């Protein structure tokens, strides 16, 4: 059965304003990345339709406000030509958010932008029973608040100290913000219960005696911001980008099949058997 095209005005990226004759047009911009040429294009389009300002959103997109409803089709075509098409905001997989990652940030453990682009290409705009926001942070500093999104991904590393070579200088102890490291009998000792797996101690060692034992992507589900914030639940930690994409793909499909409209995902995790789904994911990971 052919799906009916209901028009651009029904897209999630077309947001009706208080004056209902006007709309705000939200663009698609995975990880908030765009070329300067596309940025100029958006500026030109905004000016053409009478706007001297645009809005930078919390989900790393650009919105053009105050567009009359009769101009939606025309501006939509121009945004497509500019390769910054109309985005999404409703019950869909919306713009994927990411921090600068290993491209720029000295604390980053993963390529958050590259991962965001992969997930966007696979999942952006998929119609869902609930809004699904995906946020990626390259380290546990969590600048993009992944644990407060329906799906969060956090890059973590586990430190490994070279046995017998630690000088006990205490430099890593001073660098650890979780107070998880102490010097005992001239040797730095890590409290695994306190360790945040941020990797700062690896970078802090002046003698390069701390290595990365493993790198992981912690995936959380069911977080939310808004009037009643809630932390997401841990689903699984995987080791590669491909595993992340595979798990997120399965997760989105599970939400699509099991969740229902009218309630936030965080409010229905138990009813749609999150723990059972988590068990299946962990079982498949072990196999």
Protein backbone atom coordinates (compact mmCIF):
# COMPACT_ATOMS: atom_id res chain seq x y z
CA UNK A 1 0.00 0.00 0.00
CA UNK A 2 1.43 3.36 -1.04
CA UNK A 3 1.93 5.80 1.80
CA UNK A 4 0.05 9.07 1.34
CA UNK A 5 2.15 12.25 1.33
CA UNK A 6 0.24 14.67 3.55
CA UNK A 7 2.47 17.64 2.72
CA UNK A 8 5.32 19.51 4.33
CA UNK A 9 3.02 21.23 6.82
CA UNK A 10 2.56 17.88 8.59
CA UNK A 11 6.29 17.34 9.07
CA UNK A 12 7.63 17.51 12.61
CA UNK A 13 10.07 20.23 11.63
CA UNK A 14 7.21 22.62 10.83
CA UNK A 15 6.21 24.04 14.21
CA UNK A 16 3.06 26.14 14.49
CA UNK A 17 3.63 29.37 16.41
CA UNK A 18 1.36 31.20 18.85
CA UNK A 19 0.00 33.13 15.89
CA UNK A 20 -1.17 30.06 13.99
CA UNK A 21 -0.71 31.67 10.58
CA UNK A 22 3.05 31.44 11.10
CA UNK A 23 5.44 28.53 11.57
CA UNK A 24 8.98 27.99 12.74
CA UNK A 25 10.93 25.80 10.34
CA UNK A 26 13.41 23.47 12.03
CA UNK A 27 16.24 22.11 9.89
CA UNK A 28 17.90 18.71 9.93
CA UNK A 29 21.46 19.00 11.17
CA UNK A 30 22.96 15.78 12.62
CA UNK A 31 25.44 16.52 15.44
CA UNK A 32 25.03 20.23 14.73
CA UNK A 33 27.54 20.03 11.88
CA UNK A 34 27.18 22.04 8.68
CA UNK A 35 29.57 23.64 6.22
CA UNK A 36 30.03 27.39 6.09
CA UNK A 37 28.49 27.25 2.61
CA UNK A 38 25.32 25.67 3.98
CA UNK A 39 25.29 28.20 6.81
CA UNK A 40 25.40 31.02 4.26
CA UNK A 41 22.60 29.28 2.40
CA UNK A 42 20.40 29.21 5.50
CA UNK A 43 21.14 32.91 6.09
CA UNK A 44 20.20 33.75 2.51
CA UNK A 45 16.98 31.74 2.74
CA UNK A 46 16.03 33.36 6.04
CA UNK A 47 16.60 36.84 4.58
CA UNK A 48 14.64 35.99 1.45
CA UNK A 49 11.62 35.16 3.62
CA UNK A 50 11.92 38.37 5.63
CA UNK A 51 13.88 37.20 8.66
CA UNK A 52 16.98 38.86 10.09
CA UNK A 53 17.51 36.26 12.82
CA UNK A 54 17.54 32.48 13.20
CA UNK A 55 17.35 30.34 16.33
CA UNK A 56 19.98 27.81 17.48
CA UNK A 57 18.11 25.00 19.25
CA UNK A 58 19.09 22.79 22.16
CA UNK A 59 19.18 19.84 19.75
CA UNK A 60 21.92 21.39 17.63
CA UNK A 61 19.75 22.54 14.74
CA UNK A 62 18.88 25.92 13.23
CA UNK A 63 15.31 27.18 13.09
CA UNK A 64 13.93 29.90 10.80
CA UNK A 65 11.00 31.60 12.59
CA UNK A 66 7.91 33.49 11.45
CA UNK A 67 7.32 31.77 8.11
CA UNK A 68 3.77 32.22 6.80
CA UNK A 69 1.96 28.94 6.23
CA UNK A 70 1.56 29.72 2.50
CA UNK A 71 5.37 29.76 2.13
CA UNK A 72 6.10 26.34 3.67
CA UNK A 73 6.38 24.43 0.40
CA UNK A 74 8.62 27.04 -1.19
CA UNK A 75 11.02 27.34 1.74
CA UNK A 76 11.04 23.55 2.11
CA UNK A 77 12.28 23.15 -1.49
CA UNK A 78 15.00 25.74 -0.98
CA UNK A 79 16.20 24.05 2.21
CA UNK A 80 16.42 20.74 0.35
CA UNK A 81 18.51 22.41 -2.37
CA UNK A 82 20.75 23.79 0.39
CA UNK A 83 21.13 20.24 1.79
CA UNK A 84 19.64 21.37 5.11
CA UNK A 85 16.12 19.92 4.76
CA UNK A 86 13.24 20.28 7.18
CA UNK A 87 13.92 18.32 10.36
CA UNK A 88 11.68 16.56 12.88
CA UNK A 89 10.18 17.33 16.27
CA UNK A 90 7.16 15.09 16.80
CA UNK A 91 6.83 11.37 17.47
CA UNK A 92 9.86 10.49 15.40
CA UNK A 93 13.58 9.87 15.77
CA UNK A 94 14.67 13.50 15.91
CA UNK A 95 18.01 15.23 15.34
CA UNK A 96 20.89 13.20 16.79
CA UNK A 97 22.96 15.30 19.21
CA UNK A 98 26.70 14.85 19.79
CA UNK A 99 29.60 16.60 21.51
CA UNK A 100 32.81 17.45 19.55
CA UNK A 101 34.32 14.04 20.40
CA UNK A 102 37.84 12.97 19.46
CA UNK A 103 37.90 15.50 16.63
CA UNK A 104 38.47 18.33 19.10
CA UNK A 105 37.95 17.53 22.78
CA UNK A 106 40.92 16.46 24.91
CA UNK A 107 38.64 14.48 27.22
CA UNK A 108 36.91 12.51 24.46
CA UNK A 109 37.02 8.71 24.40
CA UNK A 110 35.04 8.11 21.18
CA UNK A 111 34.28 9.70 17.80
CA UNK A 112 30.86 10.99 18.80
CA UNK A 113 30.28 12.99 15.61
CA UNK A 114 31.07 10.06 13.31
CA UNK A 115 28.71 7.84 15.32
CA UNK A 116 25.97 10.50 15.22
CA UNK A 117 26.20 10.68 11.44
CA UNK A 118 25.87 6.88 11.15
CA UNK A 119 22.81 6.79 13.42
CA UNK A 120 21.24 9.77 11.66
CA UNK A 121 21.62 8.16 8.25
CA UNK A 122 19.98 4.97 9.49
CA UNK A 123 17.24 6.24 11.79
CA UNK A 124 16.47 9.95 11.41
CA UNK A 125 12.81 10.78 10.87
CA UNK A 126 11.53 7.26 11.51
CA UNK A 127 7.92 7.53 12.65
CA UNK A 128 7.52 6.30 16.22
CA UNK A 129 4.75 6.03 18.81
CA UNK A 130 6.81 8.38 21.01
CA UNK A 131 9.44 11.02 20.40
CA UNK A 132 12.91 9.46 20.44
CA UNK A 133 15.87 11.71 21.17
CA UNK A 134 19.38 10.28 20.81
CA UNK A 135 22.29 12.02 22.49
CA UNK A 136 25.96 11.04 22.37
CA UNK A 137 28.69 12.13 24.76
CA UNK A 138 32.31 11.13 24.11
CA UNK A 139 33.09 10.87 27.83
CA UNK A 140 31.34 10.72 31.23
CA UNK A 141 31.49 14.50 31.53
CA UNK A 142 28.23 14.08 29.60
CA UNK A 143 28.11 17.57 28.09
CA UNK A 144 25.17 16.56 25.90
CA UNK A 145 23.26 14.97 28.84
CA UNK A 146 22.83 11.53 27.23
CA UNK A 147 21.29 10.06 30.36
CA UNK A 148 18.44 12.62 30.11
CA UNK A 149 17.43 11.45 26.63
CA UNK A 150 15.29 8.54 25.46
CA UNK A 151 18.51 6.98 24.17
CA UNK A 152 21.91 8.00 25.47
CA UNK A 153 25.39 6.86 24.49
CA UNK A 154 28.47 7.63 26.61
CA UNK A 155 32.08 6.82 25.72
CA UNK A 156 34.05 5.28 28.57
CA UNK A 157 37.53 3.82 29.05
CA UNK A 158 38.90 1.55 31.75
CA UNK A 159 42.41 2.44 32.95
CA UNK A 160 45.23 -0.11 33.36
CA UNK A 161 48.34 0.66 35.40
CA UNK A 162 51.64 -0.92 34.44
CA UNK A 163 52.48 -3.26 37.36
CA UNK A 164 55.71 -2.54 39.20
CA UNK A 165 56.50 0.74 37.46
CA UNK A 166 54.23 3.25 39.23
CA UNK A 167 56.34 5.88 41.01
CA UNK A 168 53.54 6.91 43.35
CA UNK A 169 53.91 10.55 42.29
CA UNK A 170 50.21 11.15 42.98
CA UNK A 171 49.59 13.11 39.80
CA UNK A 172 46.69 10.87 38.77
CA UNK A 173 45.29 11.14 42.31
CA UNK A 174 45.10 14.91 41.99
CA UNK A 175 43.53 14.66 38.53
CA UNK A 176 40.75 12.23 39.50
CA UNK A 177 37.53 14.16 40.12
CA UNK A 178 35.87 11.11 41.70
CA UNK A 179 38.57 10.62 44.36
CA UNK A 180 38.85 7.05 43.12
CA UNK A 181 42.67 6.90 43.23
CA UNK A 182 44.89 6.83 46.29
CA UNK A 183 48.61 6.18 46.78
CA UNK A 184 49.20 3.17 49.02
CA UNK A 185 52.78 2.15 49.86
CA UNK A 186 54.08 4.20 46.95
CA UNK A 187 51.66 2.73 44.40
CA UNK A 188 48.53 4.31 42.89
CA UNK A 189 45.49 2.17 43.69
CA UNK A 190 42.10 2.56 41.99
CA UNK A 191 38.78 2.04 43.76
CA UNK A 192 36.75 0.40 40.98
CA UNK A 193 33.50 1.24 42.76
CA UNK A 194 34.27 4.96 42.49
CA UNK A 195 36.01 4.94 39.10
CA UNK A 196 33.93 6.83 36.54
CA UNK A 197 35.85 5.41 33.57
CA UNK A 198 36.45 8.90 32.23
CA UNK A 199 40.07 8.29 31.24
CA UNK A 200 41.45 11.51 32.71
CA UNK A 201 44.02 9.60 34.75
CA UNK A 202 45.40 8.04 31.56
CA UNK A 203 46.13 11.48 30.14
CA UNK A 204 47.42 12.81 33.46
CA UNK A 205 50.28 10.32 34.04
CA UNK A 206 53.56 12.14 33.26
CA UNK A 207 55.34 8.83 32.73
CA UNK A 208 52.72 7.23 30.45
CA UNK A 209 52.34 4.28 32.82
CA UNK A 210 48.54 4.19 32.61
CA UNK A 211 47.05 2.59 29.52
CA UNK A 212 43.55 2.02 28.24
CA UNK A 213 42.47 -1.50 29.21
CA UNK A 214 39.22 -1.24 27.24
CA UNK A 215 36.95 1.26 25.52
CA UNK A 216 33.18 1.07 25.83
CA UNK A 217 29.95 2.72 24.72
CA UNK A 218 27.41 2.76 27.54
CA UNK A 219 23.84 2.84 26.20
CA UNK A 220 21.04 4.16 28.41
CA UNK A 221 17.30 4.19 27.79
CA UNK A 222 14.34 6.17 29.04
CA UNK A 223 15.82 9.45 30.22
CA UNK A 224 13.92 12.71 29.99
CA UNK A 225 14.24 16.42 30.62
CA UNK A 226 11.27 18.73 31.08
CA UNK A 227 8.97 19.24 34.02
CA UNK A 228 9.90 15.97 35.71
CA UNK A 229 13.47 15.01 34.76
CA UNK A 230 14.43 11.36 34.99
CA UNK A 231 17.67 9.48 34.47
CA UNK A 232 17.81 6.79 31.83
CA UNK A 233 18.43 3.16 32.73
CA UNK A 234 21.56 1.29 31.72
CA UNK A 235 20.94 -1.13 28.88
CA UNK A 236 24.33 -2.46 27.83
CA UNK A 237 27.94 -1.49 27.22
CA UNK A 238 29.50 -2.48 23.90
CA UNK A 239 32.97 -2.07 22.44
CA UNK A 240 32.57 -0.95 18.82
CA UNK A 241 30.60 1.56 16.74
CA UNK A 242 29.06 -1.24 14.71
CA UNK A 243 27.75 -2.84 17.90
CA UNK A 244 26.29 0.50 18.97
CA UNK A 245 24.47 0.95 15.67
CA UNK A 246 23.16 -2.62 15.84
CA UNK A 247 21.89 -2.26 19.42
CA UNK A 248 20.30 1.15 18.77
CA UNK A 249 18.61 -0.22 15.65
CA UNK A 250 17.13 -3.10 17.68
CA UNK A 251 16.19 -0.70 20.48
CA UNK A 252 14.33 1.67 18.15
CA UNK A 253 12.49 -1.27 16.57
CA UNK A 254 11.54 -2.56 20.03
CA UNK A 255 10.15 0.86 21.00
CA UNK A 256 8.32 1.08 17.67
CA UNK A 257 6.64 -2.29 18.26
CA UNK A 258 5.97 -2.13 21.99
CA UNK A 259 5.45 1.49 23.08
CA UNK A 260 2.26 3.47 22.56
CA UNK A 261 1.47 7.13 21.99
CA UNK A 262 0.36 9.64 24.57
CA UNK A 263 3.02 8.85 27.18
CA UNK A 264 6.73 9.46 27.39
CA UNK A 265 8.96 6.43 26.92
CA UNK A 266 10.32 6.88 30.46
CA UNK A 267 6.81 6.35 31.87
CA UNK A 268 6.20 3.01 30.18
CA UNK A 269 9.52 1.14 30.33
CA UNK A 270 8.26 -1.36 32.89
CA UNK A 271 4.99 -1.98 31.07
CA UNK A 272 6.73 -2.67 27.77
CA UNK A 273 9.11 -5.05 29.58
CA UNK A 274 12.40 -3.20 29.41
CA UNK A 275 14.16 -5.69 31.68
CA UNK A 276 13.18 -8.56 29.40
CA UNK A 277 14.50 -6.67 26.38
CA UNK A 278 17.71 -5.86 28.28
CA UNK A 279 18.14 -9.54 29.10
CA UNK A 280 17.81 -10.46 25.43
CA UNK A 281 20.38 -7.83 24.43
CA UNK A 282 22.85 -9.04 27.06
CA UNK A 283 22.30 -12.65 26.05
CA UNK A 284 22.97 -11.86 22.38
CA UNK A 285 26.09 -9.90 23.38
CA UNK A 286 27.47 -12.87 25.30
CA UNK A 287 26.77 -15.21 22.41
